[in-house]
Amino acid sequence: MSKKNFDRNSLHQQWVHSHEEDTETGMVFRPASFAFPPSRGRTAFTLKPDGSLVEIGIGPTDRRLESQGIWKLEDDNSLLFYEKAGTKPKRSMKIVSLDKERLVVKR
């Protein structure tokens, strides 16, 4: 994928895992404003234009857990999440497709 295929600014929002739409090869994320069906909990992440990151997970009591970090887009289609600058990425996702309403990453 080249940068021509998507608008990097589309990444700048909160993305929530839409596990109902996952396939064998891809995970689907939707904007937080999407009308999701009921679920016990959903993971999410917010990619801010300044490179900061907020990850939202599900804690042992089903409460949301938030952590801060940094994100980068590398090789035009690799999303990298870091705990802090100068460390190795703690998570990497390959973008398959992206628009303002749907982000699909390789499983």
C-alpha atoms as a PDB file:
ATOM      1  CA  MET A   1       0.000   0.000   0.000  1.00  0.00           C
ATOM      2  CA  SER A   2       1.317   3.447  -0.767  1.00  0.00           C
ATOM      3  CA  LYS A   3       0.410   6.712   0.911  1.00  0.00           C
ATOM      4  CA  LYS A   4      -1.643   7.543  -2.174  1.00  0.00           C
ATOM      5  CA  ASN A   5      -4.158   4.844  -1.256  1.00  0.00           C
ATOM      6  CA  PHE A   6      -5.315   6.490   1.965  1.00  0.00           C
ATOM      7  CA  ASP A   7      -5.380   9.806   3.752  1.00  0.00           C
ATOM      8  CA  ARG A   8      -3.096   9.676   6.797  1.00  0.00           C
ATOM      9  CA  ASN A   9      -5.424  12.175   8.516  1.00  0.00           C
ATOM     10  CA  SER A  10      -8.108   9.465   8.536  1.00  0.00           C
ATOM     11  CA  LEU A  11      -6.031   7.733  11.221  1.00  0.00           C
ATOM     12  CA  HIS A  12      -6.436  10.656  13.646  1.00  0.00           C
ATOM     13  CA  GLN A  13      -9.363   9.470  15.730  1.00  0.00           C
ATOM     14  CA  GLN A  14     -10.430   6.817  18.234  1.00  0.00           C
ATOM     15  CA  TRP A  15     -10.667   3.352  16.644  1.00  0.00           C
ATOM     16  CA  VAL A  16     -12.750   0.666  18.344  1.00  0.00           C
ATOM     17  CA  HIS A  17     -12.436  -3.049  17.558  1.00  0.00           C
ATOM     18  CA  SER A  18     -15.532  -4.239  15.685  1.00  0.00           C
ATOM     19  CA  HIS A  19     -14.899  -7.942  16.312  1.00  0.00           C
ATOM     20  CA  GLU A  20     -18.184  -8.903  14.651  1.00  0.00           C
ATOM     21  CA  GLU A  21     -16.709  -7.808  11.314  1.00  0.00           C
ATOM     22  CA  ASP A  22     -13.346  -9.602  11.663  1.00  0.00           C
ATOM     23  CA  THR A  23     -12.337 -12.146   9.045  1.00  0.00           C
ATOM     24  CA  GLU A  24      -9.733 -14.904   9.044  1.00  0.00           C
ATOM     25  CA  THR A  25      -7.203 -12.470   7.634  1.00  0.00           C
ATOM     26  CA  GLY A  26      -8.238  -9.084   9.048  1.00  0.00           C
ATOM     27  CA  MET A  27      -9.281  -7.213  12.168  1.00  0.00           C
ATOM     28  CA  VAL A  28     -11.796  -4.401  11.708  1.00  0.00           C
ATOM     29  CA  PHE A  29     -11.865  -1.141  13.654  1.00  0.00           C
ATOM     30  CA  ARG A  30     -14.541   1.544  13.465  1.00  0.00           C
ATOM     31  CA  PRO A  31     -14.699   5.132  14.777  1.00  0.00           C
ATOM     32  CA  ALA A  32     -15.997   5.480  18.343  1.00  0.00           C
ATOM     33  CA  SER A  33     -19.136   7.168  16.917  1.00  0.00           C
ATOM     34  CA  PHE A  34     -20.123   3.943  15.081  1.00  0.00           C
ATOM     35  CA  ALA A  35     -23.381   2.254  16.211  1.00  0.00           C
ATOM     36  CA  PHE A  36     -21.898  -0.936  17.659  1.00  0.00           C
ATOM     37  CA  PRO A  37     -24.128  -3.797  18.809  1.00  0.00           C
ATOM     38  CA  PRO A  38     -23.994  -4.583  22.552  1.00  0.00           C
ATOM     39  CA  SER A  39     -20.755  -6.204  23.712  1.00  0.00           C
ATOM     40  CA  ARG A  40     -19.149  -7.005  27.061  1.00  0.00           C
ATOM     41  CA  GLY A  41     -16.224  -4.815  26.202  1.00  0.00           C
ATOM     42  CA  ARG A  42     -14.212  -3.552  23.284  1.00  0.00           C
ATOM     43  CA  THR A  43     -10.583  -2.624  22.892  1.00  0.00           C
ATOM     44  CA  ALA A  44      -9.764   0.695  21.278  1.00  0.00           C
ATOM     45  CA  PHE A  45      -6.981   3.134  20.540  1.00  0.00           C
ATOM     46  CA  THR A  46      -6.811   6.845  19.799  1.00  0.00           C
ATOM     47  CA  LEU A  47      -4.220   8.076  17.308  1.00  0.00           C
ATOM     48  CA  LYS A  48      -3.645  11.788  17.824  1.00  0.00           C
ATOM     49  CA  PRO A  49      -2.136  14.066  15.141  1.00  0.00           C
ATOM     50  CA  ASP A  50       0.815  14.924  17.433  1.00  0.00           C
ATOM     51  CA  GLY A  51       1.889  11.251  17.511  1.00  0.00           C
ATOM     52  CA  SER A  52       0.522  10.521  20.968  1.00  0.00           C
ATOM     53  CA  LEU A  53      -1.485   7.381  21.575  1.00  0.00           C
ATOM     54  CA  VAL A  54      -4.113   6.258  24.070  1.00  0.00           C
ATOM     55  CA  GLU A  55      -4.806   2.520  24.207  1.00  0.00           C
ATOM     56  CA  ILE A  56      -7.985   1.274  25.857  1.00  0.00           C
ATOM     57  CA  GLY A  57      -8.176  -2.286  27.036  1.00  0.00           C
ATOM     58  CA  ILE A  58     -10.491  -4.382  29.165  1.00  0.00           C
ATOM     59  CA  GLY A  59      -9.423  -4.965  32.759  1.00  0.00           C
ATOM     60  CA  PRO A  60     -10.075  -8.053  34.911  1.00  0.00           C
ATOM     61  CA  THR A  61     -13.280  -6.497  36.292  1.00  0.00           C
ATOM     62  CA  ASP A  62     -14.502  -5.491  32.797  1.00  0.00           C
ATOM     63  CA  ARG A  63     -13.527  -1.873  33.501  1.00  0.00           C
ATOM     64  CA  ARG A  64     -11.624   0.092  30.909  1.00  0.00           C
ATOM     65  CA  LEU A  65      -7.858   0.326  31.289  1.00  0.00           C
ATOM     66  CA  GLU A  66      -6.070   3.178  29.550  1.00  0.00           C
ATOM     67  CA  SER A  67      -2.384   3.479  28.752  1.00  0.00           C
ATOM     68  CA  GLN A  68      -0.462   6.264  27.040  1.00  0.00           C
ATOM     69  CA  GLY A  69       2.141   5.930  24.334  1.00  0.00           C
ATOM     70  CA  ILE A  70       3.398   7.064  20.947  1.00  0.00           C
ATOM     71  CA  TRP A  71       2.407   5.890  17.462  1.00  0.00           C
ATOM     72  CA  LYS A  72       4.112   6.085  14.082  1.00  0.00           C
ATOM     73  CA  LEU A  73       3.219   5.136  10.536  1.00  0.00           C
ATOM     74  CA  GLU A  74       6.151   3.365   8.894  1.00  0.00           C
ATOM     75  CA  ASP A  75       6.619   1.970   5.369  1.00  0.00           C
ATOM     76  CA  ASP A  76       3.309   3.605   4.386  1.00  0.00           C
ATOM     77  CA  ASN A  77       1.206   0.829   5.980  1.00  0.00           C
ATOM     78  CA  SER A  78       2.721  -0.248   9.315  1.00  0.00           C
ATOM     79  CA  LEU A  79       1.186   1.213  12.456  1.00  0.00           C
ATOM     80  CA  LEU A  80       3.680   0.992  15.312  1.00  0.00           C
ATOM     81  CA  PHE A  81       2.746   1.553  18.966  1.00  0.00           C
ATOM     82  CA  TYR A  82       5.446   2.460  21.506  1.00  0.00           C
ATOM     83  CA  GLU A  83       5.306   2.862  25.280  1.00  0.00           C
ATOM     84  CA  LYS A  84       7.758   5.768  24.980  1.00  0.00           C
ATOM     85  CA  ALA A  85      10.220   7.265  22.529  1.00  0.00           C
ATOM     86  CA  GLY A  86      13.438   5.348  21.982  1.00  0.00           C
ATOM     87  CA  THR A  87      11.999   1.922  22.835  1.00  0.00           C
ATOM     88  CA  LYS A  88      11.070  -1.007  20.625  1.00  0.00           C
ATOM     89  CA  PRO A  89       7.464  -1.095  19.380  1.00  0.00           C
ATOM     90  CA  LYS A  90       5.142  -2.989  21.694  1.00  0.00           C
ATOM     91  CA  ARG A  91       2.610  -3.547  18.910  1.00  0.00           C
ATOM     92  CA  SER A  92       2.677  -3.506  15.135  1.00  0.00           C
ATOM     93  CA  MET A  93      -0.267  -3.644  12.731  1.00  0.00           C
ATOM     94  CA  LYS A  94      -0.213  -3.767   8.915  1.00  0.00           C
ATOM     95  CA  ILE A  95      -2.940  -1.641   7.354  1.00  0.00           C
ATOM     96  CA  VAL A  96      -4.930  -3.501   4.698  1.00  0.00           C
ATOM     97  CA  SER A  97      -7.447  -0.716   4.048  1.00  0.00           C
ATOM     98  CA  LEU A  98      -8.409   2.616   5.575  1.00  0.00           C
ATOM     99  CA  ASP A  99     -11.029   5.291   5.198  1.00  0.00           C
ATOM    100  CA  LYS A 100     -12.674   7.583   7.759  1.00  0.00           C
ATOM    101  CA  GLU A 101     -15.277   4.934   8.654  1.00  0.00           C
ATOM    102  CA  ARG A 102     -13.256   1.686   8.658  1.00  0.00           C
ATOM    103  CA  LEU A 103      -9.723   0.522   9.392  1.00  0.00           C
ATOM    104  CA  VAL A 104      -8.734  -3.060   8.527  1.00  0.00           C
ATOM    105  CA  VAL A 105      -5.429  -4.486   9.721  1.00  0.00           C
ATOM    106  CA  LYS A 106      -3.811  -7.806   8.931  1.00  0.00           C
ATOM    107  CA  ARG A 107      -4.355 -10.494  11.564  1.00  0.00           C
END
